[in-house]
mmCIF file of all heavy atoms, coordinates in Angstrom:
data_MODEL
# 
_entry.id   MODEL 
# 
loop_
_atom_site.group_PDB 
_atom_site.id 
_atom_site.type_symbol 
_atom_site.label_atom_id 
_atom_site.label_alt_id 
_atom_site.label_comp_id 
_atom_site.label_asym_id 
_atom_site.label_entity_id 
_atom_site.label_seq_id 
_atom_site.pdbx_PDB_ins_code 
_atom_site.Cartn_x 
_atom_site.Cartn_y 
_atom_site.Cartn_z 
_atom_site.occupancy 
_atom_site.B_iso_or_equiv 
_atom_site.pdbx_formal_charge 
_atom_site.auth_seq_id 
_atom_site.auth_comp_id 
_atom_site.auth_asym_id 
_atom_site.auth_atom_id 
_atom_site.pdbx_PDB_model_num 
ATOM 1   N N   . LEU A 1 1  ? -9.684  1.863   -2.577  1.00 0.00 ? 1  LEU A N   1 
ATOM 2   C CA  . LEU A 1 1  ? -9.040  2.410   -3.768  1.00 0.00 ? 1  LEU A CA  1 
ATOM 3   C C   . LEU A 1 1  ? -8.590  1.281   -4.682  1.00 0.00 ? 1  LEU A C   1 
ATOM 4   O O   . LEU A 1 1  ? -7.667  0.536   -4.356  1.00 0.00 ? 1  LEU A O   1 
ATOM 5   C CB  . LEU A 1 1  ? -7.841  3.280   -3.388  1.00 0.00 ? 1  LEU A CB  1 
ATOM 6   C CG  . LEU A 1 1  ? -7.067  3.883   -4.562  1.00 0.00 ? 1  LEU A CG  1 
ATOM 7   C CD1 . LEU A 1 1  ? -7.914  4.926   -5.287  1.00 0.00 ? 1  LEU A CD1 1 
ATOM 8   C CD2 . LEU A 1 1  ? -5.762  4.493   -4.081  1.00 0.00 ? 1  LEU A CD2 1 
ATOM 9   N N   . VAL A 1 2  ? -9.272  1.131   -5.815  1.00 0.00 ? 2  VAL A N   1 
ATOM 10  C CA  . VAL A 1 2  ? -8.858  0.165   -6.823  1.00 0.00 ? 2  VAL A CA  1 
ATOM 11  C C   . VAL A 1 2  ? -7.621  0.721   -7.530  1.00 0.00 ? 2  VAL A C   1 
ATOM 12  O O   . VAL A 1 2  ? -6.615  0.039   -7.673  1.00 0.00 ? 2  VAL A O   1 
ATOM 13  C CB  . VAL A 1 2  ? -9.995  -0.131  -7.820  1.00 0.00 ? 2  VAL A CB  1 
ATOM 14  C CG1 . VAL A 1 2  ? -9.524  -1.083  -8.918  1.00 0.00 ? 2  VAL A CG1 1 
ATOM 15  C CG2 . VAL A 1 2  ? -11.209 -0.697  -7.090  1.00 0.00 ? 2  VAL A CG2 1 
ATOM 16  N N   . GLU A 1 3  ? -7.712  1.993   -7.959  1.00 0.00 ? 3  GLU A N   1 
ATOM 17  C CA  . GLU A 1 3  ? -6.577  2.675   -8.576  1.00 0.00 ? 3  GLU A CA  1 
ATOM 18  C C   . GLU A 1 3  ? -6.887  4.151   -8.688  1.00 0.00 ? 3  GLU A C   1 
ATOM 19  O O   . GLU A 1 3  ? -8.049  4.546   -8.731  1.00 0.00 ? 3  GLU A O   1 
ATOM 20  C CB  . GLU A 1 3  ? -6.269  2.094   -9.965  1.00 0.00 ? 3  GLU A CB  1 
ATOM 21  C CG  . GLU A 1 3  ? -4.977  2.577   -10.597 1.00 0.00 ? 3  GLU A CG  1 
ATOM 22  C CD  . GLU A 1 3  ? -3.733  2.343   -9.738  1.00 0.00 ? 3  GLU A CD  1 
ATOM 23  O OE1 . GLU A 1 3  ? -3.451  3.198   -8.851  1.00 0.00 ? 3  GLU A OE1 1 
ATOM 24  O OE2 . GLU A 1 3  ? -3.052  1.325   -9.936  1.00 0.00 ? 3  GLU A OE2 1 
ATOM 25  N N   . GLY A 1 4  ? -5.848  4.961   -8.717  1.00 0.00 ? 4  GLY A N   1 
ATOM 26  C CA  . GLY A 1 4  ? -5.997  6.399   -8.870  1.00 0.00 ? 4  GLY A CA  1 
ATOM 27  C C   . GLY A 1 4  ? -4.801  6.959   -9.616  1.00 0.00 ? 4  GLY A C   1 
ATOM 28  O O   . GLY A 1 4  ? -3.672  6.548   -9.370  1.00 0.00 ? 4  GLY A O   1 
ATOM 29  N N   . LYS A 1 5  ? -5.062  7.879   -10.536 1.00 0.00 ? 5  LYS A N   1 
ATOM 30  C CA  . LYS A 1 5  ? -3.992  8.508   -11.313 1.00 0.00 ? 5  LYS A CA  1 
ATOM 31  C C   . LYS A 1 5  ? -3.698  9.890   -10.747 1.00 0.00 ? 5  LYS A C   1 
ATOM 32  O O   . LYS A 1 5  ? -4.598  10.719  -10.607 1.00 0.00 ? 5  LYS A O   1 
ATOM 33  C CB  . LYS A 1 5  ? -4.386  8.605   -12.784 1.00 0.00 ? 5  LYS A CB  1 
ATOM 34  C CG  . LYS A 1 5  ? -3.225  9.047   -13.677 1.00 0.00 ? 5  LYS A CG  1 
ATOM 35  C CD  . LYS A 1 5  ? -3.633  9.088   -15.124 1.00 0.00 ? 5  LYS A CD  1 
ATOM 36  C CE  . LYS A 1 5  ? -4.234  10.435  -15.386 1.00 0.00 ? 5  LYS A CE  1 
ATOM 37  N NZ  . LYS A 1 5  ? -4.538  10.758  -16.737 1.00 0.00 ? 5  LYS A NZ  1 
ATOM 38  N N   . ILE A 1 6  ? -2.439  10.112  -10.427 1.00 0.00 ? 6  ILE A N   1 
ATOM 39  C CA  . ILE A 1 6  ? -2.011  11.373  -9.826  1.00 0.00 ? 6  ILE A CA  1 
ATOM 40  C C   . ILE A 1 6  ? -2.120  12.514  -10.835 1.00 0.00 ? 6  ILE A C   1 
ATOM 41  O O   . ILE A 1 6  ? -1.714  12.381  -11.988 1.00 0.00 ? 6  ILE A O   1 
ATOM 42  C CB  . ILE A 1 6  ? -0.548  11.249  -9.306  1.00 0.00 ? 6  ILE A CB  1 
ATOM 43  C CG1 . ILE A 1 6  ? -0.460  10.230  -8.178  1.00 0.00 ? 6  ILE A CG1 1 
ATOM 44  C CG2 . ILE A 1 6  ? 0.009   12.605  -8.891  1.00 0.00 ? 6  ILE A CG2 1 
ATOM 45  C CD1 . ILE A 1 6  ? -1.196  10.610  -6.907  1.00 0.00 ? 6  ILE A CD1 1 
ATOM 46  N N   . SER A 1 7  ? -2.665  13.647  -10.376 1.00 0.00 ? 7  SER A N   1 
ATOM 47  C CA  . SER A 1 7  ? -2.788  14.829  -11.231 1.00 0.00 ? 7  SER A CA  1 
ATOM 48  C C   . SER A 1 7  ? -1.755  15.893  -10.871 1.00 0.00 ? 7  SER A C   1 
ATOM 49  O O   . SER A 1 7  ? -1.382  16.701  -11.715 1.00 0.00 ? 7  SER A O   1 
ATOM 50  C CB  . SER A 1 7  ? -4.187  15.431  -11.130 1.00 0.00 ? 7  SER A CB  1 
ATOM 51  O OG  . SER A 1 7  ? -4.442  15.852  -9.801  1.00 0.00 ? 7  SER A OG  1 
ATOM 52  N N   . GLY A 1 8  ? -1.326  15.922  -9.638  1.00 0.00 ? 8  GLY A N   1 
ATOM 53  C CA  . GLY A 1 8  ? -0.329  16.900  -9.195  1.00 0.00 ? 8  GLY A CA  1 
ATOM 54  C C   . GLY A 1 8  ? 0.867   16.164  -8.639  1.00 0.00 ? 8  GLY A C   1 
ATOM 55  O O   . GLY A 1 8  ? 1.894   15.999  -9.292  1.00 0.00 ? 8  GLY A O   1 
ATOM 56  N N   . THR A 1 9  ? 0.692   15.677  -7.426  1.00 0.00 ? 9  THR A N   1 
ATOM 57  C CA  . THR A 1 9  ? 1.724   14.869  -6.777  1.00 0.00 ? 9  THR A CA  1 
ATOM 58  C C   . THR A 1 9  ? 1.065   13.921  -5.792  1.00 0.00 ? 9  THR A C   1 
ATOM 59  O O   . THR A 1 9  ? -0.056  14.163  -5.353  1.00 0.00 ? 9  THR A O   1 
ATOM 60  C CB  . THR A 1 9  ? 2.770   15.753  -6.051  1.00 0.00 ? 9  THR A CB  1 
ATOM 61  O OG1 . THR A 1 9  ? 3.844   14.934  -5.582  1.00 0.00 ? 9  THR A OG1 1 
ATOM 62  C CG2 . THR A 1 9  ? 2.155   16.494  -4.877  1.00 0.00 ? 9  THR A CG2 1 
ATOM 63  N N   . GLY A 1 10 ? 1.762   12.867  -5.480  1.00 0.00 ? 10 GLY A N   1 
ATOM 64  C CA  . GLY A 1 10 ? 1.334   11.943  -4.441  1.00 0.00 ? 10 GLY A CA  1 
ATOM 65  C C   . GLY A 1 10 ? 2.505   11.746  -3.497  1.00 0.00 ? 10 GLY A C   1 
ATOM 66  O O   . GLY A 1 10 ? 3.604   11.395  -3.934  1.00 0.00 ? 10 GLY A O   1 
ATOM 67  N N   . GLU A 1 11 ? 2.297   12.028  -2.233  1.00 0.00 ? 11 GLU A N   1 
ATOM 68  C CA  . GLU A 1 11 ? 3.343   11.894  -1.214  1.00 0.00 ? 11 GLU A CA  1 
ATOM 69  C C   . GLU A 1 11 ? 2.913   10.795  -0.259  1.00 0.00 ? 11 GLU A C   1 
ATOM 70  O O   . GLU A 1 11 ? 1.943   10.943  0.467   1.00 0.00 ? 11 GLU A O   1 
ATOM 71  C CB  . GLU A 1 11 ? 3.530   13.222  -0.477  1.00 0.00 ? 11 GLU A CB  1 
ATOM 72  C CG  . GLU A 1 11 ? 3.905   14.357  -1.407  1.00 0.00 ? 11 GLU A CG  1 
ATOM 73  C CD  . GLU A 1 11 ? 3.785   15.725  -0.761  1.00 0.00 ? 11 GLU A CD  1 
ATOM 74  O OE1 . GLU A 1 11 ? 3.234   15.840  0.357   1.00 0.00 ? 11 GLU A OE1 1 
ATOM 75  O OE2 . GLU A 1 11 ? 4.236   16.696  -1.391  1.00 0.00 ? 11 GLU A OE2 1 
ATOM 76  N N   . ILE A 1 12 ? 3.657   9.684   -0.292  1.00 0.00 ? 12 ILE A N   1 
ATOM 77  C CA  . ILE A 1 12 ? 3.276   8.509   0.481   1.00 0.00 ? 12 ILE A CA  1 
ATOM 78  C C   . ILE A 1 12 ? 4.412   8.086   1.393   1.00 0.00 ? 12 ILE A C   1 
ATOM 79  O O   . ILE A 1 12 ? 5.539   7.883   0.932   1.00 0.00 ? 12 ILE A O   1 
ATOM 80  C CB  . ILE A 1 12 ? 2.910   7.334   -0.458  1.00 0.00 ? 12 ILE A CB  1 
ATOM 81  C CG1 . ILE A 1 12 ? 1.752   7.735   -1.394  1.00 0.00 ? 12 ILE A CG1 1 
ATOM 82  C CG2 . ILE A 1 12 ? 2.544   6.094   0.348   1.00 0.00 ? 12 ILE A CG2 1 
ATOM 83  C CD1 . ILE A 1 12 ? 1.481   6.736   -2.501  1.00 0.00 ? 12 ILE A CD1 1 
ATOM 84  N N   . PHE A 1 13 ? 4.126   7.970   2.680   1.00 0.00 ? 13 PHE A N   1 
ATOM 85  C CA  . PHE A 1 13 ? 5.088   7.408   3.632   1.00 0.00 ? 13 PHE A CA  1 
ATOM 86  C C   . PHE A 1 13 ? 4.812   5.925   3.763   1.00 0.00 ? 13 PHE A C   1 
ATOM 87  O O   . PHE A 1 13 ? 3.677   5.519   4.029   1.00 0.00 ? 13 PHE A O   1 
ATOM 88  C CB  . PHE A 1 13 ? 4.975   8.086   5.006   1.00 0.00 ? 13 PHE A CB  1 
ATOM 89  C CG  . PHE A 1 13 ? 5.722   9.384   5.071   1.00 0.00 ? 13 PHE A CG  1 
ATOM 90  C CD1 . PHE A 1 13 ? 5.055   10.585  4.872   1.00 0.00 ? 13 PHE A CD1 1 
ATOM 91  C CD2 . PHE A 1 13 ? 7.089   9.402   5.316   1.00 0.00 ? 13 PHE A CD2 1 
ATOM 92  C CE1 . PHE A 1 13 ? 5.739   11.786  4.921   1.00 0.00 ? 13 PHE A CE1 1 
ATOM 93  C CE2 . PHE A 1 13 ? 7.778   10.599  5.367   1.00 0.00 ? 13 PHE A CE2 1 
ATOM 94  C CZ  . PHE A 1 13 ? 7.104   11.797  5.159   1.00 0.00 ? 13 PHE A CZ  1 
ATOM 95  N N   . PHE A 1 14 ? 5.841   5.119   3.560   1.00 0.00 ? 14 PHE A N   1 
ATOM 96  C CA  . PHE A 1 14 ? 5.712   3.661   3.596   1.00 0.00 ? 14 PHE A CA  1 
ATOM 97  C C   . PHE A 1 14 ? 6.627   3.110   4.679   1.00 0.00 ? 14 PHE A C   1 
ATOM 98  O O   . PHE A 1 14 ? 7.816   3.390   4.689   1.00 0.00 ? 14 PHE A O   1 
ATOM 99  C CB  . PHE A 1 14 ? 6.097   3.048   2.250   1.00 0.00 ? 14 PHE A CB  1 
ATOM 100 C CG  . PHE A 1 14 ? 5.776   1.586   2.162   1.00 0.00 ? 14 PHE A CG  1 
ATOM 101 C CD1 . PHE A 1 14 ? 4.622   1.153   1.554   1.00 0.00 ? 14 PHE A CD1 1 
ATOM 102 C CD2 . PHE A 1 14 ? 6.618   0.633   2.723   1.00 0.00 ? 14 PHE A CD2 1 
ATOM 103 C CE1 . PHE A 1 14 ? 4.305   -0.192  1.499   1.00 0.00 ? 14 PHE A CE1 1 
ATOM 104 C CE2 . PHE A 1 14 ? 6.322   -0.718  2.672   1.00 0.00 ? 14 PHE A CE2 1 
ATOM 105 C CZ  . PHE A 1 14 ? 5.158   -1.131  2.055   1.00 0.00 ? 14 PHE A CZ  1 
ATOM 106 N N   . THR A 1 15 ? 6.055   2.313   5.587   1.00 0.00 ? 15 THR A N   1 
ATOM 107 C CA  . THR A 1 15 ? 6.823   1.678   6.647   1.00 0.00 ? 15 THR A CA  1 
ATOM 108 C C   . THR A 1 15 ? 6.826   0.174   6.429   1.00 0.00 ? 15 THR A C   1 
ATOM 109 O O   . THR A 1 15 ? 5.779   -0.474  6.532   1.00 0.00 ? 15 THR A O   1 
ATOM 110 C CB  . THR A 1 15 ? 6.221   1.995   8.037   1.00 0.00 ? 15 THR A CB  1 
ATOM 111 O OG1 . THR A 1 15 ? 6.162   3.412   8.211   1.00 0.00 ? 15 THR A OG1 1 
ATOM 112 C CG2 . THR A 1 15 ? 7.052   1.377   9.145   1.00 0.00 ? 15 THR A CG2 1 
ATOM 113 N N   . PRO A 1 16 ? 7.983   -0.398  6.086   1.00 0.00 ? 16 PRO A N   1 
ATOM 114 C CA  . PRO A 1 16 ? 8.044   -1.852  5.918   1.00 0.00 ? 16 PRO A CA  1 
ATOM 115 C C   . PRO A 1 16 ? 8.004   -2.549  7.280   1.00 0.00 ? 16 PRO A C   1 
ATOM 116 O O   . PRO A 1 16 ? 8.442   -1.997  8.287   1.00 0.00 ? 16 PRO A O   1 
ATOM 117 C CB  . PRO A 1 16 ? 9.382   -2.094  5.222   1.00 0.00 ? 16 PRO A CB  1 
ATOM 118 C CG  . PRO A 1 16 ? 10.164  -0.858  5.398   1.00 0.00 ? 16 PRO A CG  1 
ATOM 119 C CD  . PRO A 1 16 ? 9.236   0.248   5.773   1.00 0.00 ? 16 PRO A CD  1 
ATOM 120 N N   . LEU A 1 17 ? 7.480   -3.760  7.300   1.00 0.00 ? 17 LEU A N   1 
ATOM 121 C CA  . LEU A 1 17 ? 7.468   -4.581  8.509   1.00 0.00 ? 17 LEU A CA  1 
ATOM 122 C C   . LEU A 1 17 ? 8.493   -5.695  8.335   1.00 0.00 ? 17 LEU A C   1 
ATOM 123 O O   . LEU A 1 17 ? 8.648   -6.242  7.245   1.00 0.00 ? 17 LEU A O   1 
ATOM 124 C CB  . LEU A 1 17 ? 6.078   -5.173  8.741   1.00 0.00 ? 17 LEU A CB  1 
ATOM 125 C CG  . LEU A 1 17 ? 4.944   -4.161  8.928   1.00 0.00 ? 17 LEU A CG  1 
ATOM 126 C CD1 . LEU A 1 17 ? 3.601   -4.867  8.996   1.00 0.00 ? 17 LEU A CD1 1 
ATOM 127 C CD2 . LEU A 1 17 ? 5.171   -3.323  10.167  1.00 0.00 ? 17 LEU A CD2 1 
ATOM 128 N N   . THR A 1 18 ? 9.181   -6.031  9.406   1.00 0.00 ? 18 THR A N   1 
ATOM 129 C CA  . THR A 1 18 ? 10.199  -7.079  9.313   1.00 0.00 ? 18 THR A CA  1 
ATOM 130 C C   . THR A 1 18 ? 9.590   -8.469  9.409   1.00 0.00 ? 18 THR A C   1 
ATOM 131 O O   . THR A 1 18 ? 10.143  -9.421  8.878   1.00 0.00 ? 18 THR A O   1 
ATOM 132 C CB  . THR A 1 18 ? 11.267  -6.899  10.418  1.00 0.00 ? 18 THR A CB  1 
ATOM 133 O OG1 . THR A 1 18 ? 10.613  -6.826  11.678  1.00 0.00 ? 18 THR A OG1 1 
ATOM 134 C CG2 . THR A 1 18 ? 12.068  -5.631  10.180  1.00 0.00 ? 18 THR A CG2 1 
ATOM 135 N N   . SER A 1 19 ? 8.468   -8.606  10.062  1.00 0.00 ? 19 SER A N   1 
ATOM 136 C CA  . SER A 1 19 ? 7.786   -9.897  10.143  1.00 0.00 ? 19 SER A CA  1 
ATOM 137 C C   . SER A 1 19 ? 7.090   -10.186 8.823   1.00 0.00 ? 19 SER A C   1 
ATOM 138 O O   . SER A 1 19 ? 6.575   -9.284  8.175   1.00 0.00 ? 19 SER A O   1 
ATOM 139 C CB  . SER A 1 19 ? 6.731   -9.891  11.253  1.00 0.00 ? 19 SER A CB  1 
ATOM 140 O OG  . SER A 1 19 ? 7.325   -9.630  12.491  1.00 0.00 ? 19 SER A OG  1 
ATOM 141 N N   . THR A 1 20 ? 7.064   -11.442 8.434   1.00 0.00 ? 20 THR A N   1 
ATOM 142 C CA  . THR A 1 20 ? 6.345   -11.823 7.222   1.00 0.00 ? 20 THR A CA  1 
ATOM 143 C C   . THR A 1 20 ? 4.978   -12.355 7.620   1.00 0.00 ? 20 THR A C   1 
ATOM 144 O O   . THR A 1 20 ? 4.865   -13.389 8.264   1.00 0.00 ? 20 THR A O   1 
ATOM 145 C CB  . THR A 1 20 ? 7.124   -12.883 6.421   1.00 0.00 ? 20 THR A CB  1 
ATOM 146 O OG1 . THR A 1 20 ? 8.399   -12.335 6.083   1.00 0.00 ? 20 THR A OG1 1 
ATOM 147 C CG2 . THR A 1 20 ? 6.391   -13.237 5.143   1.00 0.00 ? 20 THR A CG2 1 
ATOM 148 N N   . LEU A 1 21 ? 3.962   -11.617 7.244   1.00 0.00 ? 21 LEU A N   1 
ATOM 149 C CA  . LEU A 1 21 ? 2.574   -11.991 7.510   1.00 0.00 ? 21 LEU A CA  1 
ATOM 150 C C   . LEU A 1 21 ? 1.897   -12.277 6.183   1.00 0.00 ? 21 LEU A C   1 
ATOM 151 O O   . LEU A 1 21 ? 2.312   -11.765 5.150   1.00 0.00 ? 21 LEU A O   1 
ATOM 152 C CB  . LEU A 1 21 ? 1.854   -10.863 8.240   1.00 0.00 ? 21 LEU A CB  1 
ATOM 153 C CG  . LEU A 1 21 ? 2.497   -10.398 9.552   1.00 0.00 ? 21 LEU A CG  1 
ATOM 154 C CD1 . LEU A 1 21 ? 1.845   -9.114  10.018  1.00 0.00 ? 21 LEU A CD1 1 
ATOM 155 C CD2 . LEU A 1 21 ? 2.385   -11.473 10.605  1.00 0.00 ? 21 LEU A CD2 1 
ATOM 156 N N   . ALA A 1 22 ? 0.861   -13.085 6.213   1.00 0.00 ? 22 ALA A N   1 
ATOM 157 C CA  . ALA A 1 22 ? 0.167   -13.420 4.975   1.00 0.00 ? 22 ALA A CA  1 
ATOM 158 C C   . ALA A 1 22 ? -1.339  -13.390 5.176   1.00 0.00 ? 22 ALA A C   1 
ATOM 159 O O   . ALA A 1 22 ? -1.835  -13.508 6.292   1.00 0.00 ? 22 ALA A O   1 
ATOM 160 C CB  . ALA A 1 22 ? 0.597   -14.801 4.495   1.00 0.00 ? 22 ALA A CB  1 
ATOM 161 N N   . LYS A 1 23 ? -2.030  -13.223 4.070   1.00 0.00 ? 23 LYS A N   1 
ATOM 162 C CA  . LYS A 1 23 ? -3.483  -13.263 4.074   1.00 0.00 ? 23 LYS A CA  1 
ATOM 163 C C   . LYS A 1 23 ? -3.939  -14.598 3.505   1.00 0.00 ? 23 LYS A C   1 
ATOM 164 O O   . LYS A 1 23 ? -3.265  -15.208 2.674   1.00 0.00 ? 23 LYS A O   1 
ATOM 165 C CB  . LYS A 1 23 ? -4.047  -12.125 3.218   1.00 0.00 ? 23 LYS A CB  1 
ATOM 166 C CG  . LYS A 1 23 ? -3.834  -10.758 3.833   1.00 0.00 ? 23 LYS A CG  1 
ATOM 167 C CD  . LYS A 1 23 ? -4.565  -9.691  3.055   1.00 0.00 ? 23 LYS A CD  1 
ATOM 168 C CE  . LYS A 1 23 ? -4.467  -8.358  3.787   1.00 0.00 ? 23 LYS A CE  1 
ATOM 169 N NZ  . LYS A 1 23 ? -5.326  -7.337  3.183   1.00 0.00 ? 23 LYS A NZ  1 
ATOM 170 N N   . SER A 1 24 ? -5.092  -15.047 3.978   1.00 0.00 ? 24 SER A N   1 
ATOM 171 C CA  . SER A 1 24 ? -5.689  -16.269 3.436   1.00 0.00 ? 24 SER A CA  1 
ATOM 172 C C   . SER A 1 24 ? -7.170  -15.993 3.184   1.00 0.00 ? 24 SER A C   1 
ATOM 173 O O   . SER A 1 24 ? -7.750  -15.050 3.730   1.00 0.00 ? 24 SER A O   1 
ATOM 174 C CB  . SER A 1 24 ? -5.499  -17.442 4.395   1.00 0.00 ? 24 SER A CB  1 
ATOM 175 O OG  . SER A 1 24 ? -6.098  -17.149 5.640   1.00 0.00 ? 24 SER A OG  1 
ATOM 176 N N   . TYR A 1 25 ? -7.753  -16.824 2.355   1.00 0.00 ? 25 TYR A N   1 
ATOM 177 C CA  . TYR A 1 25 ? -9.161  -16.645 2.001   1.00 0.00 ? 25 TYR A CA  1 
ATOM 178 C C   . TYR A 1 25 ? -10.050 -17.040 3.174   1.00 0.00 ? 25 TYR A C   1 
ATOM 179 O O   . TYR A 1 25 ? -9.896  -18.104 3.767   1.00 0.00 ? 25 TYR A O   1 
ATOM 180 C CB  . TYR A 1 25 ? -9.513  -17.493 0.771   1.00 0.00 ? 25 TYR A CB  1 
ATOM 181 C CG  . TYR A 1 25 ? -10.943 -17.308 0.329   1.00 0.00 ? 25 TYR A CG  1 
ATOM 182 C CD1 . TYR A 1 25 ? -11.328 -16.172 -0.358  1.00 0.00 ? 25 TYR A CD1 1 
ATOM 183 C CD2 . TYR A 1 25 ? -11.902 -18.261 0.620   1.00 0.00 ? 25 TYR A CD2 1 
ATOM 184 C CE1 . TYR A 1 25 ? -12.642 -15.990 -0.754  1.00 0.00 ? 25 TYR A CE1 1 
ATOM 185 C CE2 . TYR A 1 25 ? -13.229 -18.096 0.222   1.00 0.00 ? 25 TYR A CE2 1 
ATOM 186 C CZ  . TYR A 1 25 ? -13.587 -16.955 -0.456  1.00 0.00 ? 25 TYR A CZ  1 
ATOM 187 O OH  . TYR A 1 25 ? -14.889 -16.773 -0.841  1.00 0.00 ? 25 TYR A OH  1 
ATOM 188 N N   . ASP A 1 26 ? -11.005 -16.169 3.503   1.00 0.00 ? 26 ASP A N   1 
ATOM 189 C CA  . ASP A 1 26 ? -11.960 -16.401 4.575   1.00 0.00 ? 26 ASP A CA  1 
ATOM 190 C C   . ASP A 1 26 ? -13.319 -16.741 3.966   1.00 0.00 ? 26 ASP A C   1 
ATOM 191 O O   . ASP A 1 26 ? -13.918 -15.911 3.278   1.00 0.00 ? 26 ASP A O   1 
ATOM 192 C CB  . ASP A 1 26 ? -12.064 -15.142 5.455   1.00 0.00 ? 26 ASP A CB  1 
ATOM 193 C CG  . ASP A 1 26 ? -13.071 -15.301 6.562   1.00 0.00 ? 26 ASP A CG  1 
ATOM 194 O OD1 . ASP A 1 26 ? -12.888 -16.188 7.410   1.00 0.00 ? 26 ASP A OD1 1 
ATOM 195 O OD2 . ASP A 1 26 ? -14.064 -14.531 6.578   1.00 0.00 ? 26 ASP A OD2 1 
# 
C-alpha cells in the first residue's frame, strides 16, 4: 500500500514496540 484514501471509515489497531529497531539498506 503506497497510499489509500478512506471512503467510509478506517479502523486500525496499532501496537507500539518498546524496543527501538531500525532498517538498513540491503
